[in-house]
Amino acid sequence: MTDQGTIWLTQEAYDKLRAELDDLKGPKRQEIIEKIASARDEGDLKENSGYHAAKEDQGKQEARIRQLEDMLRRAEVGETPPDDGVVEPGMVVTIDFGGGDTEKFLLGARENLSEGDTLDVYSPESAMGAAINGKSKGDEVTYTAPNGKELTVTVVDAEPYKA
């Protein structure tokens, strides 16, 4: 996940990720260290499932810490975009692939979604995201999909994401 482009985040999403990182690097990291030490005190490490589980948890936690640090380093924090119908990061966009075949998604980062929200997310750097960024309701855009196929979509709607 390193060296990717900028991630657009709302201030709320940025603060949420920052709090998660602080928790993982502080209390949660200490908790894992204590679990490992406690399991180590139980004896033979080869057959100690508690020790191996704690080490596995530690590995997952450290990977999440690296992921969060990378995301926050690349984050561009912005306000919710205006409700002007222009496609930009932070907007819920509805596109028509033709014949009424529509799709609705958030243009931005998954971290901007409220917990439990199942809306699809497209990156502004994706082929379609880059093609529709800056377009308005009614604009038709042709772009090359990752499979090399030319696709034409029409922007049906663009409104700010509301958590």
C-alpha atoms as a PDB file:
ATOM      1  CA  MET A   1       0.000   0.000   0.000  1.00  0.00           C
ATOM      2  CA  THR A   2       2.985   2.295  -0.077  1.00  0.00           C
ATOM      3  CA  ASP A   3       3.736   4.896  -2.718  1.00  0.00           C
ATOM      4  CA  GLN A   4       0.192   5.109  -3.974  1.00  0.00           C
ATOM      5  CA  GLY A   5      -1.417   8.445  -4.651  1.00  0.00           C
ATOM      6  CA  THR A   6      -3.044  10.892  -2.327  1.00  0.00           C
ATOM      7  CA  ILE A   7      -6.020   9.724  -0.292  1.00  0.00           C
ATOM      8  CA  TRP A   8      -8.800  12.266   0.141  1.00  0.00           C
ATOM      9  CA  LEU A   9     -10.256  12.147   3.661  1.00  0.00           C
ATOM     10  CA  THR A  10     -12.742  14.242   5.552  1.00  0.00           C
ATOM     11  CA  GLN A  11     -11.469  15.718   8.800  1.00  0.00           C
ATOM     12  CA  GLU A  12     -13.719  13.272  10.664  1.00  0.00           C
ATOM     13  CA  ALA A  13     -12.254  10.252   8.830  1.00  0.00           C
ATOM     14  CA  TYR A  14      -8.704  11.531   9.372  1.00  0.00           C
ATOM     15  CA  ASP A  15      -9.354  12.012  13.096  1.00  0.00           C
ATOM     16  CA  LYS A  16     -10.868   8.526  13.368  1.00  0.00           C
ATOM     17  CA  LEU A  17      -7.816   6.936  11.711  1.00  0.00           C
ATOM     18  CA  ARG A  18      -5.429   9.020  13.833  1.00  0.00           C
ATOM     19  CA  ALA A  19      -7.240   7.867  17.018  1.00  0.00           C
ATOM     20  CA  GLU A  20      -7.074   4.235  15.879  1.00  0.00           C
ATOM     21  CA  LEU A  21      -3.338   4.584  15.197  1.00  0.00           C
ATOM     22  CA  ASP A  22      -2.698   6.186  18.589  1.00  0.00           C
ATOM     23  CA  ASP A  23      -4.650   3.387  20.304  1.00  0.00           C
ATOM     24  CA  LEU A  24      -2.775   0.666  18.404  1.00  0.00           C
ATOM     25  CA  LYS A  25       0.626   2.210  19.129  1.00  0.00           C
ATOM     26  CA  GLY A  26      -0.202   2.831  22.787  1.00  0.00           C
ATOM     27  CA  PRO A  27      -2.599   0.722  24.871  1.00  0.00           C
ATOM     28  CA  LYS A  28      -3.155  -2.047  22.295  1.00  0.00           C
ATOM     29  CA  ARG A  29       0.571  -2.516  21.666  1.00  0.00           C
ATOM     30  CA  GLN A  30       1.209  -2.749  25.418  1.00  0.00           C
ATOM     31  CA  GLU A  31      -1.630  -5.253  25.775  1.00  0.00           C
ATOM     32  CA  ILE A  32      -0.077  -7.540  23.138  1.00  0.00           C
ATOM     33  CA  ILE A  33       3.358  -7.256  24.769  1.00  0.00           C
ATOM     34  CA  GLU A  34       1.837  -8.332  28.081  1.00  0.00           C
ATOM     35  CA  LYS A  35       0.031 -11.283  26.443  1.00  0.00           C
ATOM     36  CA  ILE A  36       3.283 -12.450  24.845  1.00  0.00           C
ATOM     37  CA  ALA A  37       5.186 -12.120  28.117  1.00  0.00           C
ATOM     38  CA  SER A  38       2.479 -13.985  30.028  1.00  0.00           C
ATOM     39  CA  ALA A  39       2.376 -16.793  27.456  1.00  0.00           C
ATOM     40  CA  ARG A  40       6.184 -16.977  27.417  1.00  0.00           C
ATOM     41  CA  ASP A  41       6.137 -17.527  31.203  1.00  0.00           C
ATOM     42  CA  GLU A  42       3.991 -20.640  30.688  1.00  0.00           C
ATOM     43  CA  GLY A  43       6.997 -22.587  29.409  1.00  0.00           C
ATOM     44  CA  ASP A  44       7.822 -24.428  26.184  1.00  0.00           C
ATOM     45  CA  LEU A  45       7.171 -22.025  23.315  1.00  0.00           C
ATOM     46  CA  LYS A  46       7.006 -24.754  20.644  1.00  0.00           C
ATOM     47  CA  GLU A  47       3.721 -26.099  21.960  1.00  0.00           C
ATOM     48  CA  ASN A  48       2.361 -22.920  23.508  1.00  0.00           C
ATOM     49  CA  SER A  49      -0.719 -21.963  21.465  1.00  0.00           C
ATOM     50  CA  GLY A  50      -1.329 -18.813  23.545  1.00  0.00           C
ATOM     51  CA  TYR A  51       2.148 -17.536  22.686  1.00  0.00           C
ATOM     52  CA  HIS A  52       1.724 -18.248  18.970  1.00  0.00           C
ATOM     53  CA  ALA A  53      -1.723 -16.615  18.913  1.00  0.00           C
ATOM     54  CA  ALA A  54      -0.361 -13.510  20.652  1.00  0.00           C
ATOM     55  CA  LYS A  55       2.558 -13.295  18.203  1.00  0.00           C
ATOM     56  CA  GLU A  56       0.127 -13.624  15.288  1.00  0.00           C
ATOM     57  CA  ASP A  57      -2.045 -10.859  16.747  1.00  0.00           C
ATOM     58  CA  GLN A  58       1.067  -8.732  17.138  1.00  0.00           C
ATOM     59  CA  GLY A  59       1.960  -9.222  13.470  1.00  0.00           C
ATOM     60  CA  LYS A  60      -1.539  -8.215  12.330  1.00  0.00           C
ATOM     61  CA  GLN A  61      -1.507  -5.186  14.598  1.00  0.00           C
ATOM     62  CA  GLU A  62       1.895  -4.008  13.376  1.00  0.00           C
ATOM     63  CA  ALA A  63       0.722  -4.416   9.758  1.00  0.00           C
ATOM     64  CA  ARG A  64      -2.338  -2.264  10.513  1.00  0.00           C
ATOM     65  CA  ILE A  65      -0.083   0.346  12.158  1.00  0.00           C
ATOM     66  CA  ARG A  66       2.074   0.513   9.009  1.00  0.00           C
ATOM     67  CA  GLN A  67      -1.051   0.753   6.833  1.00  0.00           C
ATOM     68  CA  LEU A  68      -2.505   3.590   8.923  1.00  0.00           C
ATOM     69  CA  GLU A  69       0.798   5.480   9.003  1.00  0.00           C
ATOM     70  CA  ASP A  70       1.041   5.233   5.221  1.00  0.00           C
ATOM     71  CA  MET A  71      -2.554   6.356   4.704  1.00  0.00           C
ATOM     72  CA  LEU A  72      -2.232   9.311   7.071  1.00  0.00           C
ATOM     73  CA  ARG A  73       1.059  10.328   5.456  1.00  0.00           C
ATOM     74  CA  ARG A  74      -0.631  10.435   2.042  1.00  0.00           C
ATOM     75  CA  ALA A  75      -3.902  11.938   3.252  1.00  0.00           C
ATOM     76  CA  GLU A  76      -5.273  15.155   1.893  1.00  0.00           C
ATOM     77  CA  VAL A  77      -7.820  16.412   4.382  1.00  0.00           C
ATOM     78  CA  GLY A  78     -10.657  18.406   2.966  1.00  0.00           C
ATOM     79  CA  GLU A  79     -14.093  19.609   3.729  1.00  0.00           C
ATOM     80  CA  THR A  80     -17.186  17.953   2.338  1.00  0.00           C
ATOM     81  CA  PRO A  81     -17.465  19.138  -1.267  1.00  0.00           C
ATOM     82  CA  PRO A  82     -20.235  21.571  -2.230  1.00  0.00           C
ATOM     83  CA  ASP A  83     -23.551  20.201  -3.478  1.00  0.00           C
ATOM     84  CA  ASP A  84     -23.046  21.603  -6.969  1.00  0.00           C
ATOM     85  CA  GLY A  85     -23.370  18.436  -9.062  1.00  0.00           C
ATOM     86  CA  VAL A  86     -19.677  18.422  -9.990  1.00  0.00           C
ATOM     87  CA  VAL A  87     -17.916  15.092  -9.459  1.00  0.00           C
ATOM     88  CA  GLU A  88     -14.991  15.240  -7.021  1.00  0.00           C
ATOM     89  CA  PRO A  89     -13.646  13.153  -4.136  1.00  0.00           C
ATOM     90  CA  GLY A  90     -16.184  12.914  -1.352  1.00  0.00           C
ATOM     91  CA  MET A  91     -19.160  12.764  -3.703  1.00  0.00           C
ATOM     92  CA  VAL A  92     -21.659   9.932  -4.097  1.00  0.00           C
ATOM     93  CA  VAL A  93     -21.850   9.507  -7.838  1.00  0.00           C
ATOM     94  CA  THR A  94     -24.434   7.735  -9.956  1.00  0.00           C
ATOM     95  CA  ILE A  95     -23.350   6.812 -13.465  1.00  0.00           C
ATOM     96  CA  ASP A  96     -25.232   5.241 -16.349  1.00  0.00           C
ATOM     97  CA  PHE A  97     -23.415   2.684 -18.489  1.00  0.00           C
ATOM     98  CA  GLY A  98     -26.158   3.010 -21.105  1.00  0.00           C
ATOM     99  CA  GLY A  99     -29.633   1.587 -21.330  1.00  0.00           C
ATOM    100  CA  GLY A 100     -30.463   2.469 -17.732  1.00  0.00           C
ATOM    101  CA  ASP A 101     -27.713   0.245 -16.276  1.00  0.00           C
ATOM    102  CA  THR A 102     -26.636   2.509 -13.395  1.00  0.00           C
ATOM    103  CA  GLU A 103     -24.182   2.265 -10.540  1.00  0.00           C
ATOM    104  CA  LYS A 104     -23.930   4.403  -7.408  1.00  0.00           C
ATOM    105  CA  PHE A 105     -20.645   4.728  -5.481  1.00  0.00           C
ATOM    106  CA  LEU A 106     -18.479   7.001  -3.372  1.00  0.00           C
ATOM    107  CA  LEU A 107     -15.582   8.623  -5.183  1.00  0.00           C
ATOM    108  CA  GLY A 108     -12.851   8.701  -2.540  1.00  0.00           C
ATOM    109  CA  ALA A 109     -11.504   6.374   0.121  1.00  0.00           C
ATOM    110  CA  ARG A 110     -13.275   3.587   1.973  1.00  0.00           C
ATOM    111  CA  GLU A 111     -12.194   5.199   5.250  1.00  0.00           C
ATOM    112  CA  ASN A 112     -14.660   8.022   4.614  1.00  0.00           C
ATOM    113  CA  LEU A 113     -17.619   5.650   4.883  1.00  0.00           C
ATOM    114  CA  SER A 114     -19.596   5.452   8.082  1.00  0.00           C
ATOM    115  CA  GLU A 115     -19.366   2.147   9.908  1.00  0.00           C
ATOM    116  CA  GLY A 116     -21.785  -0.334   8.366  1.00  0.00           C
ATOM    117  CA  ASP A 117     -22.197   1.605   5.104  1.00  0.00           C
ATOM    118  CA  THR A 118     -21.984  -0.825   2.178  1.00  0.00           C
ATOM    119  CA  LEU A 119     -21.655   1.742  -0.610  1.00  0.00           C
ATOM    120  CA  ASP A 120     -19.050   0.777  -3.215  1.00  0.00           C
ATOM    121  CA  VAL A 121     -15.975   3.024  -3.336  1.00  0.00           C
ATOM    122  CA  TYR A 122     -13.914   4.022  -6.358  1.00  0.00           C
ATOM    123  CA  SER A 123     -10.584   5.760  -6.120  1.00  0.00           C
ATOM    124  CA  PRO A 124     -10.207   9.109  -7.880  1.00  0.00           C
ATOM    125  CA  GLU A 125      -7.040   7.577  -9.400  1.00  0.00           C
ATOM    126  CA  SER A 126      -8.919   4.628 -10.936  1.00  0.00           C
ATOM    127  CA  ALA A 127      -9.584   4.751 -14.676  1.00  0.00           C
ATOM    128  CA  MET A 128     -13.245   5.654 -14.236  1.00  0.00           C
ATOM    129  CA  GLY A 129     -12.587   7.908 -11.241  1.00  0.00           C
ATOM    130  CA  ALA A 130     -10.036   9.950 -13.169  1.00  0.00           C
ATOM    131  CA  ALA A 131     -12.329  10.163 -16.202  1.00  0.00           C
ATOM    132  CA  ILE A 132     -15.368  11.469 -14.298  1.00  0.00           C
ATOM    133  CA  ASN A 133     -13.525  13.706 -11.814  1.00  0.00           C
ATOM    134  CA  GLY A 134     -14.540  17.307 -12.535  1.00  0.00           C
ATOM    135  CA  LYS A 135     -17.485  16.322 -14.741  1.00  0.00           C
ATOM    136  CA  SER A 136     -21.057  17.460 -14.079  1.00  0.00           C
ATOM    137  CA  LYS A 137     -24.508  15.895 -14.179  1.00  0.00           C
ATOM    138  CA  GLY A 138     -25.336  14.978 -17.745  1.00  0.00           C
ATOM    139  CA  ASP A 139     -21.718  14.815 -18.962  1.00  0.00           C
ATOM    140  CA  GLU A 140     -20.794  11.776 -21.037  1.00  0.00           C
ATOM    141  CA  VAL A 141     -17.271  10.426 -20.703  1.00  0.00           C
ATOM    142  CA  THR A 142     -15.351   7.712 -22.526  1.00  0.00           C
ATOM    143  CA  TYR A 143     -12.407   6.062 -20.803  1.00  0.00           C
ATOM    144  CA  THR A 144     -10.253   2.948 -21.141  1.00  0.00           C
ATOM    145  CA  ALA A 145     -10.981   0.302 -18.510  1.00  0.00           C
ATOM    146  CA  PRO A 146      -8.117  -1.724 -17.009  1.00  0.00           C
ATOM    147  CA  ASN A 147      -9.004  -4.613 -19.355  1.00  0.00           C
ATOM    148  CA  GLY A 148      -8.356  -2.302 -22.341  1.00  0.00           C
ATOM    149  CA  LYS A 149     -12.034  -1.929 -23.277  1.00  0.00           C
ATOM    150  CA  GLU A 150     -13.394   1.521 -24.110  1.00  0.00           C
ATOM    151  CA  LEU A 151     -16.378   2.380 -21.914  1.00  0.00           C
ATOM    152  CA  THR A 152     -18.739   5.323 -22.108  1.00  0.00           C
ATOM    153  CA  VAL A 153     -20.631   6.473 -19.027  1.00  0.00           C
ATOM    154  CA  THR A 154     -22.958   9.363 -18.286  1.00  0.00           C
ATOM    155  CA  VAL A 155     -22.891  11.172 -14.958  1.00  0.00           C
ATOM    156  CA  VAL A 156     -26.476  10.947 -13.669  1.00  0.00           C
ATOM    157  CA  ASP A 157     -25.982  12.484 -10.246  1.00  0.00           C
ATOM    158  CA  ALA A 158     -23.255  13.703  -7.883  1.00  0.00           C
ATOM    159  CA  GLU A 159     -23.980  14.716  -4.303  1.00  0.00           C
ATOM    160  CA  PRO A 160     -21.832  15.063  -1.202  1.00  0.00           C
ATOM    161  CA  TYR A 161     -21.532  11.924   0.942  1.00  0.00           C
ATOM    162  CA  LYS A 162     -23.431  12.244   4.183  1.00  0.00           C
ATOM    163  CA  ALA A 163     -22.457   9.882   6.979  1.00  0.00           C
END
